[in-house]
Amino acid sequence: MSALLLIVLVLLLLSGSERLGTLGRGLGRAARVFRETLAEDRKEPLPPALVVVQPAPPKLLPPAGPAASPAPNDTERS
């Protein structure tokens, strides 16, 4: 509670007493619009749930035959 009082006093010093009332009204309107928007959102039906489709497992390749050695390269000479 004392932190809130401190914040109000700092705002009073920074903005002056005339602007403090305007700031309060602006915050009150913003809070009211926010609550009204939440109430409207609750009245609307929710969209149907999204269906998550699992991808098919990858097809397995047949086992490879015996490992083939690479063909000799004609450019290589010993």
Protein backbone atom coordinates (compact mmCIF):
# COMPACT_ATOMS: atom_id res chain seq x y z
CA MET A 1 0.00 0.00 0.00
CA SER A 2 2.82 2.38 0.82
CA ALA A 3 4.42 1.67 -2.57
CA LEU A 4 1.21 2.76 -4.31
CA LEU A 5 1.15 5.98 -2.29
CA LEU A 6 4.77 6.63 -3.20
CA ILE A 7 4.01 6.14 -6.90
CA VAL A 8 1.06 8.56 -6.71
CA LEU A 9 3.26 11.17 -4.99
CA VAL A 10 5.97 10.83 -7.64
CA LEU A 11 3.36 11.20 -10.41
CA LEU A 12 1.98 14.27 -8.65
CA LEU A 13 5.42 15.86 -8.51
CA LEU A 14 6.25 15.03 -12.12
CA SER A 15 2.97 15.90 -13.80
CA GLY A 16 1.33 18.42 -11.51
CA SER A 17 -2.03 18.23 -9.79
CA GLU A 18 -4.05 19.25 -12.87
CA ARG A 19 -2.73 16.46 -15.05
CA LEU A 20 -3.09 13.83 -12.34
CA GLY A 21 -6.90 13.91 -12.64
CA THR A 22 -6.65 13.55 -16.41
CA LEU A 23 -4.28 10.59 -16.03
CA GLY A 24 -6.68 8.95 -13.56
CA ARG A 25 -9.64 9.36 -15.91
CA GLY A 26 -7.62 7.93 -18.78
CA LEU A 27 -6.61 4.90 -16.73
CA GLY A 28 -10.22 4.39 -15.60
CA ARG A 29 -11.49 4.47 -19.18
CA ALA A 30 -8.80 2.06 -20.32
CA ALA A 31 -9.68 -0.38 -17.53
CA ARG A 32 -13.40 -0.14 -18.37
CA VAL A 33 -12.81 -0.80 -22.08
CA PHE A 34 -10.55 -3.73 -21.20
CA ARG A 35 -13.21 -5.31 -18.96
CA GLU A 36 -15.92 -4.78 -21.59
CA THR A 37 -13.75 -6.40 -24.25
CA LEU A 38 -13.14 -9.41 -22.01
CA ALA A 39 -16.88 -9.74 -21.35
CA GLU A 40 -17.65 -9.62 -25.10
CA ASP A 41 -15.02 -12.25 -25.83
CA ARG A 42 -16.59 -14.60 -23.29
CA LYS A 43 -20.01 -14.31 -24.96
CA GLU A 44 -18.72 -15.38 -28.38
CA PRO A 45 -18.50 -19.12 -28.99
CA LEU A 46 -15.03 -20.55 -29.19
CA PRO A 47 -13.79 -21.73 -32.60
CA PRO A 48 -13.53 -25.49 -33.08
CA ALA A 49 -10.33 -27.02 -31.83
CA LEU A 50 -7.56 -27.52 -34.30
CA VAL A 51 -6.85 -31.11 -35.22
CA VAL A 52 -3.20 -32.03 -35.09
CA VAL A 53 -2.33 -34.59 -37.73
CA GLN A 54 0.73 -36.72 -37.16
CA PRO A 55 2.84 -37.23 -40.29
CA ALA A 56 3.16 -40.78 -41.57
CA PRO A 57 6.38 -42.53 -40.54
CA PRO A 58 9.03 -42.52 -43.26
CA LYS A 59 9.28 -45.57 -45.47
CA LEU A 60 12.27 -47.70 -44.70
CA LEU A 61 14.70 -48.50 -47.50
CA PRO A 62 15.63 -52.13 -48.11
CA PRO A 63 18.93 -53.17 -46.56
CA ALA A 64 21.94 -52.45 -48.72
CA GLY A 65 23.93 -55.31 -50.23
CA PRO A 66 27.59 -55.90 -49.54
CA ALA A 67 29.62 -52.75 -49.51
CA ALA A 68 31.07 -52.18 -52.94
CA SER A 69 34.58 -50.86 -53.16
CA PRO A 70 34.97 -47.78 -55.31
CA ALA A 71 36.07 -48.33 -58.86
CA PRO A 72 39.78 -47.67 -59.48
CA ASN A 73 40.47 -44.25 -60.86
CA ASP A 74 42.39 -44.18 -64.14
CA THR A 75 44.12 -40.92 -63.27
CA GLU A 76 45.80 -42.36 -60.19
CA ARG A 77 49.20 -43.97 -60.85
CA SER A 78 51.59 -45.44 -58.38
